[in-house]
Amino acid sequence: MADVSYPDAVEDDALCEKRRVHDCSLYVEVAYLDIKQMRSTFTELATLLLGDAKQAKSFMTKAKLHSMEELEDSWWNLYEKLLSTGRAVELSLKIELEDFLYNMCRS
């Protein structure tokens, strides 16, 4: 989302309390490709999602972030890593999403 700081995004309770995601019109796709910024941001995100700086560093040594195609491959690899470690779930059905939200909000 445009102009949303990381702390504001973390504190956003729309997902848990209201059980809804934001309207897609609020999200902005950035076309400019700044490799240094992208690598830094991707590293921070990997660290946050993997929950361990050592794992993120190991993951980032394999990540190639020199083009949009490599970025997409790295996103896919991060997704696979999160699934394999149980830090993410695949929600392909509406009932899975509802169960996930219910269990997340109970925690």
Protein backbone atom coordinates (compact mmCIF):
# COMPACT_ATOMS: atom_id res chain seq x y z
CA MET A 1 0.00 0.00 0.00
CA ALA A 2 1.28 3.44 -0.81
CA ASP A 3 2.55 5.70 1.98
CA VAL A 4 2.16 3.13 4.75
CA SER A 5 5.06 2.74 7.14
CA TYR A 6 6.09 -0.69 8.38
CA PRO A 7 4.93 -0.02 11.99
CA ASP A 8 1.55 1.15 10.70
CA ALA A 9 1.22 -1.96 8.58
CA VAL A 10 2.05 -4.20 11.53
CA GLU A 11 -0.49 -2.48 13.75
CA ASP A 12 -3.20 -2.72 11.10
CA ASP A 13 -5.85 -4.92 12.64
CA ALA A 14 -8.13 -5.22 9.62
CA LEU A 15 -7.08 -8.81 8.97
CA CYS A 16 -7.71 -10.21 12.45
CA GLU A 17 -10.32 -8.02 14.03
CA LYS A 18 -12.44 -7.30 10.99
CA ARG A 19 -11.55 -10.50 9.12
CA ARG A 20 -11.05 -8.71 5.85
CA VAL A 21 -8.23 -7.57 3.64
CA HIS A 22 -7.96 -4.06 2.31
CA ASP A 23 -9.54 -3.06 -0.95
CA CYS A 24 -7.22 -3.88 -3.84
CA SER A 25 -7.31 -0.25 -5.01
CA LEU A 26 -5.16 0.68 -1.99
CA TYR A 27 -2.25 -1.46 -3.19
CA VAL A 28 0.29 0.00 -5.56
CA GLU A 29 2.65 -1.90 -7.84
CA VAL A 30 5.99 -0.19 -8.17
CA ALA A 31 7.46 -0.37 -11.66
CA TYR A 32 10.88 1.16 -10.94
CA LEU A 33 13.47 -1.51 -10.18
CA ASP A 34 16.08 -0.39 -7.63
CA ILE A 35 18.23 -3.48 -7.11
CA LYS A 36 19.95 -2.26 -3.93
CA GLN A 37 16.69 -1.24 -2.28
CA MET A 38 14.97 -4.39 -3.46
CA ARG A 39 17.72 -6.62 -2.01
CA SER A 40 17.60 -4.76 1.30
CA THR A 41 13.81 -4.92 1.53
CA PHE A 42 13.69 -8.56 0.47
CA THR A 43 16.32 -9.43 3.10
CA GLU A 44 14.31 -7.66 5.81
CA LEU A 45 11.14 -9.42 4.71
CA ALA A 46 12.83 -12.83 4.61
CA THR A 47 14.21 -12.22 8.12
CA LEU A 48 10.78 -11.21 9.39
CA LEU A 49 8.94 -14.12 7.79
CA LEU A 50 11.52 -16.80 8.53
CA GLY A 51 11.88 -15.51 12.09
CA ASP A 52 15.63 -16.05 12.16
CA ALA A 53 18.40 -13.83 10.78
CA LYS A 54 20.69 -16.83 10.27
CA GLN A 55 18.10 -18.65 8.13
CA ALA A 56 17.39 -15.46 6.20
CA LYS A 57 21.09 -14.90 5.53
CA SER A 58 21.42 -18.48 4.30
CA PHE A 59 18.37 -18.04 2.10
CA MET A 60 19.63 -14.72 0.72
CA THR A 61 22.98 -16.22 -0.34
CA LYS A 62 20.99 -18.35 -2.82
CA ALA A 63 18.59 -15.58 -3.89
CA LYS A 64 19.34 -13.85 -7.16
CA LEU A 65 17.86 -10.38 -7.39
CA HIS A 66 19.20 -8.79 -10.56
CA SER A 67 16.01 -8.69 -12.64
CA MET A 68 12.25 -8.95 -12.24
CA GLU A 69 12.37 -12.58 -13.37
CA GLU A 70 14.93 -13.44 -10.69
CA LEU A 71 12.88 -11.52 -8.14
CA GLU A 72 9.81 -13.58 -9.01
CA ASP A 73 11.86 -16.77 -8.68
CA SER A 74 13.13 -15.62 -5.28
CA TRP A 75 9.58 -14.85 -4.12
CA TRP A 76 8.55 -18.35 -5.17
CA ASN A 77 11.54 -19.88 -3.36
CA LEU A 78 10.75 -17.88 -0.20
CA TYR A 79 7.13 -19.06 -0.40
CA GLU A 80 8.29 -22.69 -0.73
CA LYS A 81 10.69 -22.24 2.21
CA LEU A 82 7.92 -20.78 4.37
CA LEU A 83 5.57 -23.64 3.47
CA SER A 84 8.20 -26.31 4.17
CA THR A 85 9.05 -24.85 7.57
CA GLY A 86 5.40 -24.44 8.59
CA ARG A 87 5.63 -20.65 8.76
CA ALA A 88 3.02 -20.26 6.01
CA VAL A 89 -0.06 -22.10 4.86
CA GLU A 90 -1.54 -22.43 1.43
CA LEU A 91 -5.11 -21.21 1.30
CA SER A 92 -6.73 -22.40 -1.89
CA LEU A 93 -10.29 -22.65 -0.62
CA LYS A 94 -12.49 -20.11 1.14
CA ILE A 95 -13.07 -22.50 4.06
CA GLU A 96 -9.29 -22.78 4.57
CA LEU A 97 -9.06 -18.99 4.73
CA GLU A 98 -11.91 -18.79 7.24
CA ASP A 99 -10.32 -21.50 9.41
CA PHE A 100 -6.96 -19.75 9.23
CA LEU A 101 -8.42 -16.37 10.22
CA TYR A 102 -10.41 -17.94 13.05
CA ASN A 103 -7.35 -19.70 14.48
CA MET A 104 -5.12 -16.65 14.03
CA CYS A 105 -7.50 -14.35 15.82
CA ARG A 106 -7.87 -16.80 18.73
CA SER A 107 -4.12 -16.67 19.40
